[in-house]
C-alpha cells in the first residue's frame, strides 16, 4: 500500500524526498525573514492622539485580539499539526512557521507596549481572551478545534484522519484565512484614513507570512485529498460550510464590538459582506462551491498594493544576507 502523508509514525530522513514542494516553501520562507526591530511604531504615537473615541475603541479591541491570536495558532501547530504530518520536509516548513508565529507574537507585544503604555490598560488587553465577550467567543471557537484532536495520539482510522483534516482546514481558512484577514482589513482601513502607518507596515509583513501559512496548509489538504480521496465527501464539505459560517458569525460579532461607537467609513453590514466574500474565496480554494456570493465592499482593499513590501525587500537585498533577490510575486488578495 502506498505511503501517505498522514500515515502514523515519524519519518526522519529527507532523502528520498516525497514532497519537494513543501521543501521549496520552507526555503522561500527563510528568504522572507524580517524582524520586529525593523518596524517603526513610534511614528504612530501622534496618530493615537488624533483618533476619535470610536476609532480608539476599535484600535484597543484590535490590539487585544492580536495579544493572543498568533499564540493560539502556534499552540495548534505544535499540539496537532507537527505530530501528524509525516514528512520531514513538511515539518521543516512547520518549524519555520512556528518561528514566524513567534515573531508575530513579539510584534504584537511591542505593539501593545507602544500603544498602551499604561500597565493597567495593557493588562486588560492581555486578559481580553477571558474578559471581552467577542474575543472570548473567537478564542473558544479555536480551542474547540484544537481540543478536537487532543486524544488522538496517532491517525489510525478514516475518522481520525477526517478529524485532522477538519482541524487543518479550520486553522487555514477560518483562523488565519478569515479572523486574521478581518483584522488586517481594519488596519488597512485606518491607513486609508492616513492613520497608523507603522502598524500597517508591520501588518504587511505579517500578512505575507499568514498568506503563506494558509497556502501551505491548503497544499497539505490538496495532497491528502490526492492520496486519500475518500476522506473528502459531502459530509466533510457540509462540516466545512458549517465551520466557515460559524467563523463568519463570530467575526461579525467582533465587528459589532469594534464598530460599536460608529466609525465613519466602515459599517458592520459592510464588514459582514467582506467576511462572506473572504469565506467564499476559502471555499473556492478548497475546491468547493461558494455559498454567499458577496463582493468585496471595501475599495481601499482593492487598491491594497505591495509597494511597501517591495521597498522592504529591495532594501534588504543590500542590507541583509537573507534578503530576497529577484522577483517577488503576491498571489493572495483580499
Protein backbone atom coordinates (compact mmCIF):
# COMPACT_ATOMS: atom_id res chain seq x y z
CA UNK A 1 0.00 0.00 0.00
CA UNK A 2 1.48 3.43 -0.91
CA UNK A 3 2.84 5.58 1.90
CA UNK A 4 0.70 8.66 2.58
CA UNK A 5 1.27 11.97 4.34
CA UNK A 6 -0.91 11.04 7.31
CA UNK A 7 0.49 7.57 7.94
CA UNK A 8 1.30 7.17 11.66
CA UNK A 9 4.98 7.39 12.54
CA UNK A 10 7.78 9.91 12.23
CA UNK A 11 9.81 9.67 9.02
CA UNK A 12 13.19 11.24 9.74
CA UNK A 13 15.21 11.49 6.53
CA UNK A 14 14.81 13.99 3.71
CA UNK A 15 16.01 11.54 1.04
CA UNK A 16 14.28 10.23 -0.88
CA UNK A 17 12.13 13.36 -0.69
CA UNK A 18 8.45 12.65 -1.28
CA UNK A 19 7.16 16.25 -1.26
CA UNK A 20 9.73 18.65 -2.74
CA UNK A 21 7.16 21.45 -2.99
CA UNK A 22 6.98 21.58 0.81
CA UNK A 23 10.76 21.92 0.95
CA UNK A 24 10.61 24.73 -1.61
CA UNK A 25 8.09 26.53 0.60
CA UNK A 26 10.44 26.20 3.55
CA UNK A 27 13.34 27.68 1.57
CA UNK A 28 11.17 30.54 0.33
CA UNK A 29 10.08 31.30 3.88
CA UNK A 30 13.71 31.51 5.03
CA UNK A 31 14.36 34.14 2.36
CA UNK A 32 11.47 36.22 3.69
CA UNK A 33 12.95 36.77 7.14
CA UNK A 34 12.13 40.04 8.89
CA UNK A 35 12.50 41.24 12.47
CA UNK A 36 10.29 43.29 14.77
CA UNK A 37 13.07 45.82 15.30
CA UNK A 38 12.62 46.96 11.69
CA UNK A 39 9.05 48.15 12.35
CA UNK A 40 8.83 51.78 13.47
CA UNK A 41 5.70 52.09 15.60
CA UNK A 42 6.73 55.28 17.33
CA UNK A 43 5.55 57.32 14.34
CA UNK A 44 2.03 56.14 15.24
CA UNK A 45 2.03 57.81 18.66
CA UNK A 46 0.86 61.17 17.32
CA UNK A 47 -1.93 59.44 15.38
CA UNK A 48 -3.23 57.76 18.53
CA UNK A 49 -4.00 61.19 19.97
CA UNK A 50 -5.86 62.14 16.78
CA UNK A 51 -8.27 59.22 16.93
CA UNK A 52 -11.91 59.77 17.77
CA UNK A 53 -13.25 57.83 20.79
CA UNK A 54 -14.88 55.32 18.42
CA UNK A 55 -11.63 54.84 16.48
CA UNK A 56 -9.69 54.48 19.73
CA UNK A 57 -12.10 51.75 20.85
CA UNK A 58 -11.57 49.98 17.52
CA UNK A 59 -7.79 50.09 17.93
CA UNK A 60 -7.90 48.93 21.57
CA UNK A 61 -10.11 45.96 20.72
CA UNK A 62 -7.96 45.12 17.71
CA UNK A 63 -4.70 45.02 19.64
CA UNK A 64 -6.43 42.99 22.37
CA UNK A 65 -7.24 40.34 19.75
CA UNK A 66 -3.66 40.47 18.47
CA UNK A 67 -2.38 39.86 22.02
CA UNK A 68 -3.23 36.14 21.85
CA UNK A 69 -4.25 35.35 18.25
CA UNK A 70 -0.92 34.06 16.97
CA UNK A 71 -0.17 32.20 20.21
CA UNK A 72 -3.35 30.18 19.69
CA UNK A 73 -2.25 29.30 16.14
CA UNK A 74 1.21 28.30 17.40
CA UNK A 75 -0.34 26.04 20.03
CA UNK A 76 -2.37 24.16 17.41
CA UNK A 77 0.69 23.89 15.20
CA UNK A 78 2.73 22.23 17.96
CA UNK A 79 -0.01 20.15 19.55
CA UNK A 80 -1.68 18.86 16.40
CA UNK A 81 -0.11 19.63 13.02
CA UNK A 82 3.55 18.82 13.67
CA UNK A 83 2.86 15.46 15.28
CA UNK A 84 0.60 14.14 12.50
CA UNK A 85 2.12 15.39 9.20
CA UNK A 86 4.55 12.58 8.47
CA UNK A 87 7.10 14.10 6.10
CA UNK A 88 10.29 15.78 7.33
CA UNK A 89 10.21 18.37 4.54
CA UNK A 90 6.71 19.40 5.65
CA UNK A 91 7.84 19.53 9.28
CA UNK A 92 10.70 21.80 8.21
CA UNK A 93 8.11 24.28 6.97
CA UNK A 94 6.03 23.88 10.13
CA UNK A 95 9.14 24.60 12.21
CA UNK A 96 9.71 27.74 10.20
CA UNK A 97 6.06 28.70 10.61
CA UNK A 98 6.41 28.32 14.37
CA UNK A 99 9.34 30.76 14.26
CA UNK A 100 7.23 33.22 12.25
CA UNK A 101 4.36 32.92 14.73
CA UNK A 102 6.87 33.78 17.47
CA UNK A 103 7.94 36.88 15.53
CA UNK A 104 4.29 37.88 15.20
CA UNK A 105 3.77 37.42 18.95
CA UNK A 106 6.82 39.62 19.57
CA UNK A 107 5.49 42.22 17.11
CA UNK A 108 2.13 42.38 18.87
CA UNK A 109 3.83 42.55 22.28
CA UNK A 110 5.82 45.54 21.02
CA UNK A 111 2.62 46.97 19.56
CA UNK A 112 0.80 46.76 22.89
CA UNK A 113 3.78 48.16 24.81
CA UNK A 114 3.87 51.12 22.41
CA UNK A 115 0.15 51.78 22.07
CA UNK A 116 -0.80 51.06 25.69
CA UNK A 117 1.95 52.45 27.94
CA UNK A 118 -0.33 52.29 30.98
CA UNK A 119 0.27 48.90 32.70
CA UNK A 120 -3.39 48.53 33.70
CA UNK A 121 -4.61 49.11 30.13
CA UNK A 122 -2.03 46.63 28.87
CA UNK A 123 -3.04 44.00 31.42
CA UNK A 124 -6.67 44.50 30.41
CA UNK A 125 -5.79 43.90 26.76
CA UNK A 126 -3.92 40.69 27.54
CA UNK A 127 -6.88 39.48 29.62
CA UNK A 128 -9.36 40.14 26.81
CA UNK A 129 -9.38 36.50 25.73
CA UNK A 130 -11.21 35.82 29.02
CA UNK A 131 -12.99 39.12 29.70
CA UNK A 132 -14.14 40.54 26.33
CA UNK A 133 -17.09 38.52 25.02
CA UNK A 134 -16.39 39.00 21.29
CA UNK A 135 -12.73 37.95 21.66
CA UNK A 136 -13.56 35.13 24.05
CA UNK A 137 -16.02 33.67 21.52
CA UNK A 138 -13.36 33.56 18.80
CA UNK A 139 -10.85 32.01 21.19
CA UNK A 140 -13.32 29.33 22.26
CA UNK A 141 -14.01 28.53 18.63
CA UNK A 142 -10.26 27.96 18.15
CA UNK A 143 -9.85 25.97 21.38
CA UNK A 144 -12.70 23.67 20.45
CA UNK A 145 -10.93 22.72 17.23
CA UNK A 146 -7.57 22.37 18.98
CA UNK A 147 -9.18 20.05 21.51
CA UNK A 148 -10.88 18.04 18.75
CA UNK A 149 -7.58 16.21 18.22
CA UNK A 150 -6.41 16.18 21.83
CA UNK A 151 -6.99 12.45 22.37
CA UNK A 152 -5.54 11.36 19.02
CA UNK A 153 -2.01 10.08 19.50
CA UNK A 154 -1.93 8.55 16.00
CA UNK A 155 -4.22 8.84 12.99
CA UNK A 156 -5.12 5.17 12.62
CA UNK A 157 -8.64 5.30 11.20
CA UNK A 158 -10.51 7.15 8.49
CA UNK A 159 -12.42 9.03 11.20
CA UNK A 160 -9.13 10.11 12.80
CA UNK A 161 -7.82 11.44 9.51
CA UNK A 162 -11.03 13.30 8.75
CA UNK A 163 -10.83 14.91 12.20
CA UNK A 164 -7.27 16.01 11.43
CA UNK A 165 -8.32 17.34 8.04
CA UNK A 166 -11.10 19.43 9.59
CA UNK A 167 -8.69 20.87 12.16
CA UNK A 168 -6.22 21.77 9.41
CA UNK A 169 -8.94 23.37 7.27
CA UNK A 170 -10.26 25.30 10.27
CA UNK A 171 -6.96 26.95 11.09
CA UNK A 172 -6.12 27.61 7.44
CA UNK A 173 -9.46 29.05 6.35
CA UNK A 174 -11.23 30.26 9.49
CA UNK A 175 -8.42 31.43 11.75
CA UNK A 176 -5.52 32.52 9.55
CA UNK A 177 -7.70 32.92 6.46
CA UNK A 178 -10.69 34.76 8.00
CA UNK A 179 -10.13 36.04 11.56
CA UNK A 180 -6.74 37.50 10.65
CA UNK A 181 -7.96 38.84 7.31
CA UNK A 182 -10.74 40.63 9.13
CA UNK A 183 -8.18 42.17 11.49
CA UNK A 184 -5.97 43.22 8.58
CA UNK A 185 -8.94 44.96 6.96
CA UNK A 186 -9.31 47.27 9.98
CA UNK A 187 -5.59 48.10 9.84
CA UNK A 188 -5.72 48.98 6.15
CA UNK A 189 -8.93 50.97 6.67
CA UNK A 190 -7.10 53.11 9.22
CA UNK A 191 -4.18 53.51 6.83
CA UNK A 192 -6.59 54.65 4.11
CA UNK A 193 -7.56 57.41 6.53
CA UNK A 194 -3.89 58.40 6.87
CA UNK A 195 -3.54 56.79 10.31
CA UNK A 196 -1.11 54.35 11.93
CA UNK A 197 1.25 53.73 9.03
CA UNK A 198 3.69 51.96 11.33
CA UNK A 199 1.06 49.39 12.24
CA UNK A 200 0.18 48.97 8.55
CA UNK A 201 3.84 48.50 7.62
CA UNK A 202 4.31 45.71 10.15
CA UNK A 203 0.96 44.21 9.17
CA UNK A 204 2.16 43.97 5.56
CA UNK A 205 4.89 41.59 6.65
CA UNK A 206 2.58 39.62 8.94
CA UNK A 207 0.06 39.41 6.09
CA UNK A 208 2.66 37.94 3.77
CA UNK A 209 3.59 35.31 6.37
CA UNK A 210 -0.03 34.41 7.12
CA UNK A 211 -0.85 34.10 3.44
CA UNK A 212 2.00 31.64 3.02
CA UNK A 213 0.90 29.69 6.10
CA UNK A 214 -2.55 29.36 4.62
CA UNK A 215 -1.21 28.33 1.21
CA UNK A 216 1.00 25.68 2.78
CA UNK A 217 -1.94 24.26 4.74
CA UNK A 218 -4.09 24.21 1.61
CA UNK A 219 -1.28 22.40 -0.21
CA UNK A 220 -1.33 19.79 2.55
CA UNK A 221 -5.11 19.50 2.15
CA UNK A 222 -4.73 19.00 -1.60
CA UNK A 223 -2.02 16.39 -1.06
CA UNK A 224 -4.19 14.47 1.40
CA UNK A 225 -7.14 14.60 -1.00
CA UNK A 226 -5.00 13.23 -3.81
CA UNK A 227 -3.63 10.42 -1.66
CA UNK A 228 -6.85 9.55 0.19
CA UNK A 229 -9.76 10.91 -1.89
CA UNK A 230 -12.37 9.10 0.20
CA UNK A 231 -11.69 11.46 3.12
CA UNK A 232 -13.38 14.38 1.35
CA UNK A 233 -17.07 13.77 0.69
CA UNK A 234 -20.37 15.61 1.02
CA UNK A 235 -20.37 15.10 4.78
CA UNK A 236 -16.96 16.73 5.21
CA UNK A 237 -17.88 19.56 2.84
CA UNK A 238 -21.03 20.23 4.87
CA UNK A 239 -18.93 20.32 8.04
CA UNK A 240 -16.57 22.86 6.44
CA UNK A 241 -19.50 25.04 5.41
CA UNK A 242 -20.89 24.98 8.96
CA UNK A 243 -17.45 25.80 10.31
CA UNK A 244 -16.97 28.79 7.99
CA UNK A 245 -20.48 30.07 8.70
CA UNK A 246 -19.77 29.92 12.43
CA UNK A 247 -16.47 31.74 11.88
CA UNK A 248 -18.17 34.49 9.85
CA UNK A 249 -20.79 34.86 12.58
CA UNK A 250 -18.14 35.10 15.32
CA UNK A 251 -16.14 37.65 13.35
CA UNK A 252 -19.31 39.66 12.71
CA UNK A 253 -19.92 39.83 16.48
CA UNK A 254 -16.34 41.08 16.81
CA UNK A 255 -17.11 43.74 14.18
CA UNK A 256 -20.18 44.82 16.14
CA UNK A 257 -17.91 45.30 19.15
CA UNK A 258 -15.14 47.15 17.29
CA UNK A 259 -17.55 49.44 15.44
CA UNK A 260 -19.96 49.96 18.34
CA UNK A 261 -19.16 53.66 18.60
CA UNK A 262 -19.87 54.34 14.94
CA UNK A 263 -16.73 54.64 12.80
CA UNK A 264 -17.16 56.82 9.73
CA UNK A 265 -16.46 54.89 6.55
CA UNK A 266 -16.92 51.37 7.92
CA UNK A 267 -20.17 49.64 8.89
CA UNK A 268 -20.93 46.27 10.41
CA UNK A 269 -23.02 45.40 7.34
CA UNK A 270 -20.07 46.08 5.02
CA UNK A 271 -17.74 44.13 7.27
CA UNK A 272 -20.14 41.18 7.22
CA UNK A 273 -20.23 41.34 3.42
CA UNK A 274 -16.43 41.41 3.30
CA UNK A 275 -16.20 38.37 5.60
CA UNK A 276 -18.65 36.49 3.39
CA UNK A 277 -16.50 37.44 0.38
CA UNK A 278 -13.41 36.04 2.10
CA UNK A 279 -15.26 32.87 3.16
CA UNK A 280 -16.28 32.28 -0.47
CA UNK A 281 -12.65 32.60 -1.53
CA UNK A 282 -11.64 29.99 1.02
CA UNK A 283 -14.33 27.61 -0.22
CA UNK A 284 -13.13 28.08 -3.79
CA UNK A 285 -9.54 27.39 -2.71
CA UNK A 286 -10.76 24.13 -1.19
CA UNK A 287 -12.49 23.22 -4.45
CA UNK A 288 -15.99 23.79 -3.03
CA UNK A 289 -18.75 25.97 -4.44
CA UNK A 290 -19.00 29.42 -2.78
CA UNK A 291 -22.12 29.92 -0.66
CA UNK A 292 -22.52 33.67 -0.09
CA UNK A 293 -21.94 35.36 -3.45
CA UNK A 294 -20.74 38.55 -1.73
CA UNK A 295 -18.41 41.04 -3.42
CA UNK A 296 -15.65 42.93 -1.63
CA UNK A 297 -17.30 46.17 -0.41
CA UNK A 298 -14.06 47.95 0.52
CA UNK A 299 -12.35 49.88 -2.31
CA UNK A 300 -9.34 50.55 -0.09
CA UNK A 301 -8.61 46.81 -0.05
CA UNK A 302 -8.95 46.52 -3.81
CA UNK A 303 -6.31 49.24 -4.03
CA UNK A 304 -4.07 47.50 -1.48
CA UNK A 305 -0.73 47.02 -3.22
CA UNK A 306 2.70 45.72 -2.34
CA UNK A 307 4.65 48.95 -2.65
CA UNK A 308 5.80 48.98 0.97
CA UNK A 309 6.68 45.29 0.79
CA UNK A 310 8.55 45.77 -2.48
CA UNK A 311 10.58 48.59 -0.96
CA UNK A 312 11.23 46.43 2.09
CA UNK A 313 12.62 43.54 0.09
CA UNK A 314 14.66 45.75 -2.24
CA UNK A 315 16.24 47.40 0.80
CA UNK A 316 17.04 44.07 2.39
CA UNK A 317 18.96 42.77 -0.62
CA UNK A 318 21.88 45.05 0.17
CA UNK A 319 21.40 45.20 3.93
CA UNK A 320 20.89 41.55 4.91
CA UNK A 321 22.28 38.22 3.80
CA UNK A 322 18.79 36.74 3.90
CA UNK A 323 17.38 39.40 1.59
CA UNK A 324 15.26 38.28 -1.33
CA UNK A 325 16.85 38.54 -4.74
CA UNK A 326 14.85 38.62 -7.93
CA UNK A 327 11.13 38.99 -8.40
CA UNK A 328 8.67 38.78 -5.53
CA UNK A 329 5.15 37.78 -6.51
CA UNK A 330 2.00 38.11 -4.41
CA UNK A 331 -0.85 35.84 -5.40
CA UNK A 332 -3.21 36.29 -2.47
CA UNK A 333 -5.62 39.21 -2.44
CA UNK A 334 -8.28 40.37 -0.06
